[in-house]
Amino acid sequence: MVQLSRRTMILATVGAAAVASSGSAVLHLGAPAHGMLILSSDELSVLAALCEVWFPAGVFPIDGIEAGVPEQVDNVLNDIMEPMQLTGFRYVLRTLQWGTVARWGRRFTDLHVDERVVVLDRWADTDVVPRRAALDAVKTVIAIPYFRHPTIVASLGWRMGCGGDSA
């Protein structure tokens, strides 16, 4: 009897899905959500779930959801990424969303925050460089609008320009 490794099964499934779909809904990226330029409503949900992990309430004056990070990521992506990079970024979000079903039985957005932390810790594993690089890219893009938010900037004590205390 032949035993198949988890990796072999995943690669076979992904390959079969790619061949079978040939551009069907399996690999189709959804249309932008209302008011968005790039991201679908599902992708915005994944970003919101990530914000609950990376920018939770209580650390800074506002959390990632209050700062409007998911919606602002759409603008950041539009400003800094080329179409091929955008497609890759969106597929990373899709992989994160559906990649938890095999182990957890639920999509990423349906997991409790503590479970999402476990998933993201696994993605951050330095032994799997492509996965780690993908996670770092998403984290970087999400951090841009969060740390641009005026409330966060003020809470960090950041001031633009020169100045000093007058004597």
N, C-alpha and C. Protein backbone atom coordinates (compact mmCIF):
# COMPACT_ATOMS: atom_id res chain seq x y z
N MET A 1 0.84 -1.18 0.00
CA MET A 1 0.00 0.00 0.00
C MET A 1 0.89 1.24 0.00
N VAL A 2 0.55 2.19 -0.86
CA VAL A 2 1.32 3.41 -1.00
C VAL A 2 0.76 4.47 -0.05
N GLN A 3 1.67 5.09 0.71
CA GLN A 3 1.24 6.18 1.59
C GLN A 3 1.60 7.49 0.92
N LEU A 4 0.65 8.37 0.86
CA LEU A 4 0.88 9.67 0.27
C LEU A 4 1.11 10.69 1.37
N SER A 5 2.10 11.52 1.16
CA SER A 5 2.37 12.57 2.14
C SER A 5 1.34 13.69 2.00
N ARG A 6 1.24 14.49 3.03
CA ARG A 6 0.33 15.63 3.01
C ARG A 6 0.72 16.58 1.88
N ARG A 7 2.02 16.79 1.71
CA ARG A 7 2.50 17.69 0.65
C ARG A 7 2.10 17.17 -0.73
N THR A 8 2.26 15.87 -0.96
CA THR A 8 1.89 15.29 -2.25
C THR A 8 0.40 15.47 -2.52
N MET A 9 -0.39 15.28 -1.49
CA MET A 9 -1.85 15.43 -1.64
C MET A 9 -2.20 16.89 -1.96
N ILE A 10 -1.57 17.82 -1.28
CA ILE A 10 -1.86 19.23 -1.52
C ILE A 10 -1.46 19.61 -2.94
N LEU A 11 -0.25 19.22 -3.35
CA LEU A 11 0.20 19.54 -4.70
C LEU A 11 -0.70 18.90 -5.76
N ALA A 12 -1.10 17.68 -5.53
CA ALA A 12 -1.98 17.00 -6.48
C ALA A 12 -3.33 17.69 -6.56
N THR A 13 -3.85 18.11 -5.42
CA THR A 13 -5.15 18.79 -5.39
C THR A 13 -5.07 20.13 -6.10
N VAL A 14 -4.03 20.90 -5.81
CA VAL A 14 -3.87 22.20 -6.46
C VAL A 14 -3.70 22.03 -7.95
N GLY A 15 -2.88 21.07 -8.35
CA GLY A 15 -2.67 20.82 -9.77
C GLY A 15 -3.95 20.38 -10.46
N ALA A 16 -4.68 19.50 -9.83
CA ALA A 16 -5.94 19.03 -10.41
C ALA A 16 -6.95 20.16 -10.52
N ALA A 17 -7.01 21.00 -9.51
CA ALA A 17 -7.93 22.13 -9.54
C ALA A 17 -7.57 23.10 -10.67
N ALA A 18 -6.28 23.34 -10.85
CA ALA A 18 -5.85 24.25 -11.91
C ALA A 18 -6.19 23.69 -13.29
N VAL A 19 -5.94 22.40 -13.49
CA VAL A 19 -6.23 21.78 -14.78
C VAL A 19 -7.73 21.72 -15.01
N ALA A 20 -8.47 21.32 -13.99
CA ALA A 20 -9.92 21.15 -14.15
C ALA A 20 -10.63 22.48 -14.35
N SER A 21 -10.12 23.50 -13.72
CA SER A 21 -10.84 24.77 -13.77
C SER A 21 -10.67 25.48 -15.11
N SER A 22 -9.47 25.49 -15.64
CA SER A 22 -9.17 26.17 -16.90
C SER A 22 -9.89 27.51 -16.99
N GLY A 23 -9.77 28.29 -15.93
CA GLY A 23 -10.37 29.62 -15.91
C GLY A 23 -11.76 29.65 -15.32
N SER A 24 -12.22 28.59 -14.74
CA SER A 24 -13.57 28.61 -14.16
C SER A 24 -13.55 29.33 -12.82
N ALA A 25 -14.65 29.28 -12.11
CA ALA A 25 -14.83 30.02 -10.86
C ALA A 25 -13.85 29.59 -9.77
N VAL A 26 -13.27 28.41 -9.89
CA VAL A 26 -12.35 27.94 -8.85
C VAL A 26 -11.17 28.89 -8.71
N LEU A 27 -10.63 29.37 -9.82
CA LEU A 27 -9.48 30.25 -9.77
C LEU A 27 -9.83 31.70 -10.10
N HIS A 28 -11.08 31.97 -10.35
CA HIS A 28 -11.51 33.32 -10.70
C HIS A 28 -11.47 34.22 -9.47
N LEU A 29 -10.88 35.39 -9.64
CA LEU A 29 -10.88 36.38 -8.57
C LEU A 29 -12.13 37.24 -8.74
N GLY A 30 -12.83 37.44 -7.65
CA GLY A 30 -14.09 38.18 -7.71
C GLY A 30 -13.92 39.63 -8.11
N ALA A 31 -15.01 40.21 -8.52
CA ALA A 31 -15.03 41.62 -8.88
C ALA A 31 -14.83 42.46 -7.63
N PRO A 32 -14.35 43.68 -7.81
CA PRO A 32 -14.17 44.55 -6.65
C PRO A 32 -15.49 44.78 -5.90
N ALA A 33 -15.38 44.85 -4.60
CA ALA A 33 -16.55 45.15 -3.77
C ALA A 33 -17.01 46.58 -4.07
N HIS A 34 -18.21 46.89 -3.66
CA HIS A 34 -18.77 48.22 -3.89
C HIS A 34 -17.83 49.29 -3.32
N GLY A 35 -17.46 50.23 -4.16
CA GLY A 35 -16.59 51.32 -3.74
C GLY A 35 -15.10 51.00 -3.76
N MET A 36 -14.75 49.76 -4.09
CA MET A 36 -13.34 49.36 -4.13
C MET A 36 -12.86 49.34 -5.58
N LEU A 37 -11.56 49.46 -5.74
CA LEU A 37 -10.96 49.41 -7.06
C LEU A 37 -10.46 48.02 -7.42
N ILE A 38 -10.06 47.25 -6.40
CA ILE A 38 -9.39 45.98 -6.64
C ILE A 38 -10.00 44.83 -5.85
N LEU A 39 -10.15 45.00 -4.55
CA LEU A 39 -10.47 43.89 -3.65
C LEU A 39 -11.95 43.52 -3.63
N SER A 40 -12.19 42.21 -3.60
CA SER A 40 -13.56 41.70 -3.48
C SER A 40 -14.00 41.74 -2.02
N SER A 41 -15.27 41.53 -1.79
CA SER A 41 -15.78 41.53 -0.41
C SER A 41 -15.15 40.40 0.41
N ASP A 42 -14.89 39.25 -0.21
CA ASP A 42 -14.22 38.15 0.50
C ASP A 42 -12.81 38.54 0.92
N GLU A 43 -12.10 39.21 0.03
CA GLU A 43 -10.73 39.64 0.34
C GLU A 43 -10.73 40.68 1.45
N LEU A 44 -11.71 41.57 1.44
CA LEU A 44 -11.83 42.55 2.52
C LEU A 44 -12.09 41.86 3.85
N SER A 45 -12.86 40.77 3.82
CA SER A 45 -13.12 40.00 5.04
C SER A 45 -11.85 39.37 5.59
N VAL A 46 -11.01 38.84 4.71
CA VAL A 46 -9.73 38.26 5.14
C VAL A 46 -8.86 39.35 5.76
N LEU A 47 -8.82 40.51 5.13
CA LEU A 47 -8.03 41.61 5.67
C LEU A 47 -8.55 42.05 7.04
N ALA A 48 -9.86 42.08 7.20
CA ALA A 48 -10.43 42.43 8.51
C ALA A 48 -10.04 41.40 9.56
N ALA A 49 -10.07 40.13 9.19
CA ALA A 49 -9.67 39.06 10.13
C ALA A 49 -8.20 39.19 10.50
N LEU A 50 -7.37 39.58 9.54
CA LEU A 50 -5.95 39.81 9.83
C LEU A 50 -5.77 41.00 10.76
N CYS A 51 -6.56 42.05 10.55
CA CYS A 51 -6.49 43.23 11.42
C CYS A 51 -6.82 42.87 12.87
N GLU A 52 -7.75 41.96 13.06
CA GLU A 52 -8.10 41.54 14.42
C GLU A 52 -6.94 40.85 15.12
N VAL A 53 -6.05 40.26 14.35
CA VAL A 53 -4.87 39.60 14.91
C VAL A 53 -3.73 40.60 15.07
N TRP A 54 -3.40 41.32 14.02
CA TRP A 54 -2.21 42.16 14.00
C TRP A 54 -2.42 43.55 14.61
N PHE A 55 -3.63 44.07 14.54
CA PHE A 55 -3.91 45.41 15.08
C PHE A 55 -5.16 45.36 15.96
N PRO A 56 -5.09 44.62 17.07
CA PRO A 56 -6.28 44.45 17.93
C PRO A 56 -6.57 45.70 18.75
N ALA A 57 -7.75 45.72 19.30
CA ALA A 57 -8.15 46.81 20.19
C ALA A 57 -7.27 46.80 21.44
N GLY A 58 -7.00 47.99 21.94
CA GLY A 58 -6.28 48.10 23.20
C GLY A 58 -4.79 48.32 23.10
N VAL A 59 -4.19 48.05 21.95
CA VAL A 59 -2.75 48.25 21.81
C VAL A 59 -2.47 49.72 21.48
N PHE A 60 -3.18 50.24 20.50
CA PHE A 60 -3.12 51.65 20.13
C PHE A 60 -4.51 52.23 20.37
N PRO A 61 -4.67 53.53 20.22
CA PRO A 61 -5.99 54.14 20.49
C PRO A 61 -7.13 53.57 19.65
N ILE A 62 -6.83 53.11 18.44
CA ILE A 62 -7.86 52.48 17.61
C ILE A 62 -7.30 51.19 17.03
N ASP A 63 -8.21 50.26 16.74
CA ASP A 63 -7.77 49.00 16.14
C ASP A 63 -7.79 49.11 14.62
N GLY A 64 -7.38 48.05 13.96
CA GLY A 64 -7.28 48.05 12.51
C GLY A 64 -8.59 48.23 11.79
N ILE A 65 -9.67 47.73 12.37
CA ILE A 65 -10.98 47.87 11.75
C ILE A 65 -11.44 49.33 11.85
N GLU A 66 -11.30 49.91 13.06
CA GLU A 66 -11.67 51.32 13.25
C GLU A 66 -10.86 52.24 12.35
N ALA A 67 -9.61 51.88 12.10
CA ALA A 67 -8.75 52.68 11.24
C ALA A 67 -9.09 52.52 9.76
N GLY A 68 -10.02 51.60 9.44
CA GLY A 68 -10.43 51.39 8.06
C GLY A 68 -9.38 50.72 7.20
N VAL A 69 -8.55 49.91 7.84
CA VAL A 69 -7.43 49.30 7.13
C VAL A 69 -7.86 48.45 5.93
N PRO A 70 -8.84 47.55 6.06
CA PRO A 70 -9.17 46.73 4.88
C PRO A 70 -9.50 47.57 3.64
N GLU A 71 -10.31 48.60 3.81
CA GLU A 71 -10.68 49.43 2.68
C GLU A 71 -9.49 50.26 2.18
N GLN A 72 -8.65 50.71 3.09
CA GLN A 72 -7.49 51.51 2.69
C GLN A 72 -6.43 50.67 1.99
N VAL A 73 -6.39 49.38 2.28
CA VAL A 73 -5.44 48.49 1.57
C VAL A 73 -5.74 48.52 0.08
N ASP A 74 -7.00 48.62 -0.29
CA ASP A 74 -7.38 48.70 -1.70
C ASP A 74 -6.67 49.88 -2.37
N ASN A 75 -6.64 51.03 -1.71
CA ASN A 75 -5.95 52.21 -2.27
C ASN A 75 -4.45 51.99 -2.34
N VAL A 76 -3.89 51.41 -1.31
CA VAL A 76 -2.45 51.14 -1.29
C VAL A 76 -2.08 50.22 -2.46
N LEU A 77 -2.84 49.15 -2.63
CA LEU A 77 -2.57 48.22 -3.72
C LEU A 77 -2.65 48.92 -5.07
N ASN A 78 -3.65 49.75 -5.23
CA ASN A 78 -3.82 50.49 -6.49
C ASN A 78 -2.63 51.41 -6.75
N ASP A 79 -2.08 51.98 -5.68
CA ASP A 79 -0.96 52.91 -5.81
C ASP A 79 0.39 52.23 -6.07
N ILE A 80 0.62 51.06 -5.48
CA ILE A 80 1.98 50.52 -5.48
C ILE A 80 2.20 49.24 -6.28
N MET A 81 1.14 48.58 -6.71
CA MET A 81 1.34 47.27 -7.36
C MET A 81 0.92 47.26 -8.82
N GLU A 82 1.67 46.48 -9.57
CA GLU A 82 1.34 46.21 -10.97
C GLU A 82 0.29 45.10 -11.02
N PRO A 83 -0.41 44.95 -12.14
CA PRO A 83 -1.47 43.94 -12.24
C PRO A 83 -1.03 42.52 -11.84
N MET A 84 0.14 42.08 -12.27
CA MET A 84 0.57 40.72 -11.93
C MET A 84 0.79 40.59 -10.41
N GLN A 85 1.36 41.60 -9.79
CA GLN A 85 1.56 41.58 -8.35
C GLN A 85 0.22 41.60 -7.63
N LEU A 86 -0.73 42.37 -8.15
CA LEU A 86 -2.07 42.43 -7.54
C LEU A 86 -2.72 41.05 -7.55
N THR A 87 -2.59 40.37 -8.67
CA THR A 87 -3.17 39.03 -8.77
C THR A 87 -2.53 38.10 -7.74
N GLY A 88 -1.21 38.15 -7.63
CA GLY A 88 -0.52 37.33 -6.64
C GLY A 88 -0.96 37.64 -5.22
N PHE A 89 -1.07 38.92 -4.91
CA PHE A 89 -1.51 39.34 -3.57
C PHE A 89 -2.90 38.81 -3.27
N ARG A 90 -3.79 38.93 -4.23
CA ARG A 90 -5.17 38.47 -4.04
C ARG A 90 -5.22 36.95 -3.87
N TYR A 91 -4.37 36.22 -4.60
CA TYR A 91 -4.33 34.77 -4.44
C TYR A 91 -3.76 34.36 -3.09
N VAL A 92 -2.85 35.15 -2.55
CA VAL A 92 -2.36 34.87 -1.20
C VAL A 92 -3.52 34.99 -0.21
N LEU A 93 -4.33 36.03 -0.35
CA LEU A 93 -5.49 36.18 0.54
C LEU A 93 -6.46 35.00 0.38
N ARG A 94 -6.66 34.57 -0.86
CA ARG A 94 -7.55 33.43 -1.11
C ARG A 94 -6.98 32.16 -0.49
N THR A 95 -5.67 31.96 -0.64
CA THR A 95 -5.04 30.78 -0.07
C THR A 95 -5.15 30.79 1.45
N LEU A 96 -4.95 31.94 2.04
CA LEU A 96 -5.09 32.06 3.49
C LEU A 96 -6.53 31.75 3.91
N GLN A 97 -7.49 32.27 3.17
CA GLN A 97 -8.90 32.06 3.50
C GLN A 97 -9.30 30.59 3.43
N TRP A 98 -8.93 29.90 2.37
CA TRP A 98 -9.39 28.53 2.17
C TRP A 98 -8.40 27.47 2.63
N GLY A 99 -7.17 27.87 2.89
CA GLY A 99 -6.15 26.91 3.29
C GLY A 99 -6.37 26.30 4.66
N THR A 100 -7.24 26.88 5.44
CA THR A 100 -7.50 26.36 6.79
C THR A 100 -8.59 25.30 6.82
N VAL A 101 -9.29 25.12 5.74
CA VAL A 101 -10.42 24.20 5.73
C VAL A 101 -9.99 22.76 6.00
N ALA A 102 -8.88 22.33 5.41
CA ALA A 102 -8.44 20.94 5.58
C ALA A 102 -8.12 20.62 7.04
N ARG A 103 -7.46 21.52 7.73
CA ARG A 103 -7.06 21.24 9.11
C ARG A 103 -8.12 21.65 10.13
N TRP A 104 -8.74 22.81 9.94
CA TRP A 104 -9.65 23.36 10.93
C TRP A 104 -11.12 23.12 10.61
N GLY A 105 -11.40 22.77 9.35
CA GLY A 105 -12.79 22.56 8.95
C GLY A 105 -13.55 23.84 8.73
N ARG A 106 -12.84 24.98 8.75
CA ARG A 106 -13.47 26.29 8.58
C ARG A 106 -12.51 27.21 7.83
N ARG A 107 -13.13 28.20 7.17
CA ARG A 107 -12.31 29.21 6.50
C ARG A 107 -11.59 30.07 7.54
N PHE A 108 -10.54 30.75 7.13
CA PHE A 108 -9.75 31.60 8.02
C PHE A 108 -10.63 32.63 8.73
N THR A 109 -11.54 33.25 8.00
CA THR A 109 -12.39 34.28 8.60
C THR A 109 -13.39 33.71 9.60
N ASP A 110 -13.61 32.41 9.57
CA ASP A 110 -14.53 31.77 10.53
C ASP A 110 -13.82 31.25 11.77
N LEU A 111 -12.50 31.33 11.79
CA LEU A 111 -11.73 30.87 12.94
C LEU A 111 -11.77 31.93 14.05
N HIS A 112 -11.64 31.48 15.29
CA HIS A 112 -11.50 32.38 16.43
C HIS A 112 -10.13 33.06 16.30
N VAL A 113 -9.99 34.23 16.87
CA VAL A 113 -8.73 34.98 16.77
C VAL A 113 -7.54 34.14 17.23
N ASP A 114 -7.69 33.38 18.32
CA ASP A 114 -6.60 32.54 18.80
C ASP A 114 -6.19 31.49 17.78
N GLU A 115 -7.17 30.95 17.05
CA GLU A 115 -6.87 29.97 16.01
C GLU A 115 -6.16 30.63 14.83
N ARG A 116 -6.58 31.85 14.51
CA ARG A 116 -5.91 32.59 13.43
C ARG A 116 -4.44 32.83 13.77
N VAL A 117 -4.17 33.11 15.03
CA VAL A 117 -2.78 33.32 15.45
C VAL A 117 -1.96 32.07 15.19
N VAL A 118 -2.52 30.90 15.48
CA VAL A 118 -1.82 29.63 15.23
C VAL A 118 -1.54 29.48 13.74
N VAL A 119 -2.52 29.78 12.91
CA VAL A 119 -2.35 29.67 11.45
C VAL A 119 -1.26 30.63 10.98
N LEU A 120 -1.29 31.86 11.44
CA LEU A 120 -0.30 32.85 11.01
C LEU A 120 1.09 32.53 11.52
N ASP A 121 1.17 31.95 12.71
CA ASP A 121 2.48 31.50 13.21
C ASP A 121 3.05 30.41 12.30
N ARG A 122 2.18 29.54 11.83
CA ARG A 122 2.64 28.48 10.91
C ARG A 122 3.11 29.08 9.59
N TRP A 123 2.38 30.06 9.10
CA TRP A 123 2.78 30.73 7.86
C TRP A 123 4.10 31.46 8.04
N ALA A 124 4.40 31.90 9.24
CA ALA A 124 5.63 32.65 9.52
C ALA A 124 6.85 31.75 9.69
N ASP A 125 6.66 30.45 9.63
CA ASP A 125 7.75 29.49 9.78
C ASP A 125 8.83 29.77 8.74
N THR A 126 10.05 29.95 9.21
CA THR A 126 11.16 30.27 8.31
C THR A 126 11.60 29.11 7.43
N ASP A 127 11.13 27.90 7.72
CA ASP A 127 11.50 26.75 6.89
C ASP A 127 10.77 26.72 5.55
N VAL A 128 9.66 27.45 5.45
CA VAL A 128 8.89 27.50 4.20
C VAL A 128 8.96 28.94 3.68
N VAL A 129 10.02 29.23 2.96
CA VAL A 129 10.32 30.60 2.56
C VAL A 129 9.21 31.24 1.72
N PRO A 130 8.65 30.58 0.71
CA PRO A 130 7.61 31.24 -0.09
C PRO A 130 6.39 31.63 0.75
N ARG A 131 5.98 30.76 1.64
CA ARG A 131 4.83 31.06 2.49
C ARG A 131 5.15 32.22 3.42
N ARG A 132 6.34 32.20 3.99
CA ARG A 132 6.77 33.27 4.89
C ARG A 132 6.84 34.60 4.13
N ALA A 133 7.39 34.58 2.92
CA ALA A 133 7.49 35.79 2.11
C ALA A 133 6.11 36.34 1.77
N ALA A 134 5.18 35.46 1.45
CA ALA A 134 3.81 35.89 1.14
C ALA A 134 3.18 36.56 2.35
N LEU A 135 3.35 35.95 3.51
CA LEU A 135 2.78 36.53 4.74
C LEU A 135 3.42 37.88 5.04
N ASP A 136 4.73 37.98 4.89
CA ASP A 136 5.42 39.24 5.14
C ASP A 136 4.93 40.33 4.19
N ALA A 137 4.68 39.97 2.94
CA ALA A 137 4.17 40.95 1.98
C ALA A 137 2.80 41.46 2.40
N VAL A 138 1.93 40.55 2.80
CA VAL A 138 0.59 40.95 3.23
C VAL A 138 0.69 41.83 4.48
N LYS A 139 1.52 41.42 5.42
CA LYS A 139 1.68 42.19 6.65
C LYS A 139 2.19 43.60 6.36
N THR A 140 3.12 43.72 5.45
CA THR A 140 3.68 45.02 5.10
C THR A 140 2.63 45.92 4.47
N VAL A 141 1.87 45.37 3.53
CA VAL A 141 0.84 46.16 2.86
C VAL A 141 -0.24 46.60 3.85
N ILE A 142 -0.62 45.74 4.77
CA ILE A 142 -1.63 46.09 5.76
C ILE A 142 -1.11 47.14 6.74
N ALA A 143 0.16 47.09 7.04
CA ALA A 143 0.73 48.04 7.99
C ALA A 143 0.75 49.47 7.44
N ILE A 144 0.86 49.62 6.14
CA ILE A 144 0.96 50.95 5.55
C ILE A 144 -0.25 51.82 5.93
N PRO A 145 -1.49 51.42 5.64
CA PRO A 145 -2.60 52.31 6.00
C PRO A 145 -2.81 52.42 7.51
N TYR A 146 -2.47 51.38 8.25
CA TYR A 146 -2.67 51.46 9.70
C TYR A 146 -1.75 52.52 10.30
N PHE A 147 -0.48 52.46 9.95
CA PHE A 147 0.47 53.41 10.54
C PHE A 147 0.46 54.77 9.85
N ARG A 148 -0.35 54.92 8.80
CA ARG A 148 -0.60 56.22 8.19
C ARG A 148 -1.77 56.94 8.84
N HIS A 149 -2.62 56.21 9.54
CA HIS A 149 -3.83 56.80 10.11
C HIS A 149 -3.45 57.91 11.09
N PRO A 150 -4.09 59.07 10.99
CA PRO A 150 -3.73 60.20 11.85
C PRO A 150 -3.75 59.91 13.35
N THR A 151 -4.69 59.11 13.80
CA THR A 151 -4.76 58.78 15.23
C THR A 151 -3.55 57.96 15.65
N ILE A 152 -3.13 57.03 14.81
CA ILE A 152 -1.96 56.21 15.12
C ILE A 152 -0.70 57.06 15.07
N VAL A 153 -0.59 57.90 14.04
CA VAL A 153 0.58 58.78 13.92
C VAL A 153 0.70 59.65 15.16
N ALA A 154 -0.41 60.24 15.60
CA ALA A 154 -0.39 61.10 16.79
C ALA A 154 -0.02 60.32 18.04
N SER A 155 -0.53 59.08 18.14
CA SER A 155 -0.24 58.28 19.34
C SER A 155 1.23 57.88 19.42
N LEU A 156 1.88 57.84 18.28
CA LEU A 156 3.31 57.51 18.25
C LEU A 156 4.18 58.74 18.53
N GLY A 157 3.54 59.92 18.55
CA GLY A 157 4.29 61.14 18.81
C GLY A 157 5.05 61.65 17.61
N TRP A 158 4.68 61.18 16.44
CA TRP A 158 5.38 61.58 15.22
C TRP A 158 4.92 62.98 14.81
N ARG A 159 5.88 63.83 14.52
CA ARG A 159 5.57 65.18 14.03
C ARG A 159 6.32 65.40 12.74
N MET A 160 5.68 66.07 11.83
CA MET A 160 6.32 66.39 10.55
C MET A 160 7.00 67.74 10.67
N GLY A 161 8.14 67.86 10.03
CA GLY A 161 8.83 69.14 9.96
C GLY A 161 9.75 69.35 11.15
N CYS A 162 10.37 70.50 11.10
CA CYS A 162 11.30 70.88 12.16
C CYS A 162 10.56 71.69 13.20
N GLY A 163 11.03 71.62 14.33
CA GLY A 163 10.42 72.41 15.39
C GLY A 163 11.16 72.15 16.67
N GLY A 164 10.89 72.90 17.55
CA GLY A 164 11.52 72.70 18.84
C GLY A 164 10.72 73.45 19.88
N ASP A 165 11.04 73.20 21.05
CA ASP A 165 10.36 73.92 22.11
C ASP A 165 10.92 75.34 22.17
N SER A 166 10.03 76.28 22.22
CA SER A 166 10.53 77.65 22.34
C SER A 166 10.94 77.91 23.78
N ALA A 167 12.03 78.63 23.90
CA ALA A 167 12.58 78.87 25.22
C ALA A 167 11.98 80.05 25.89
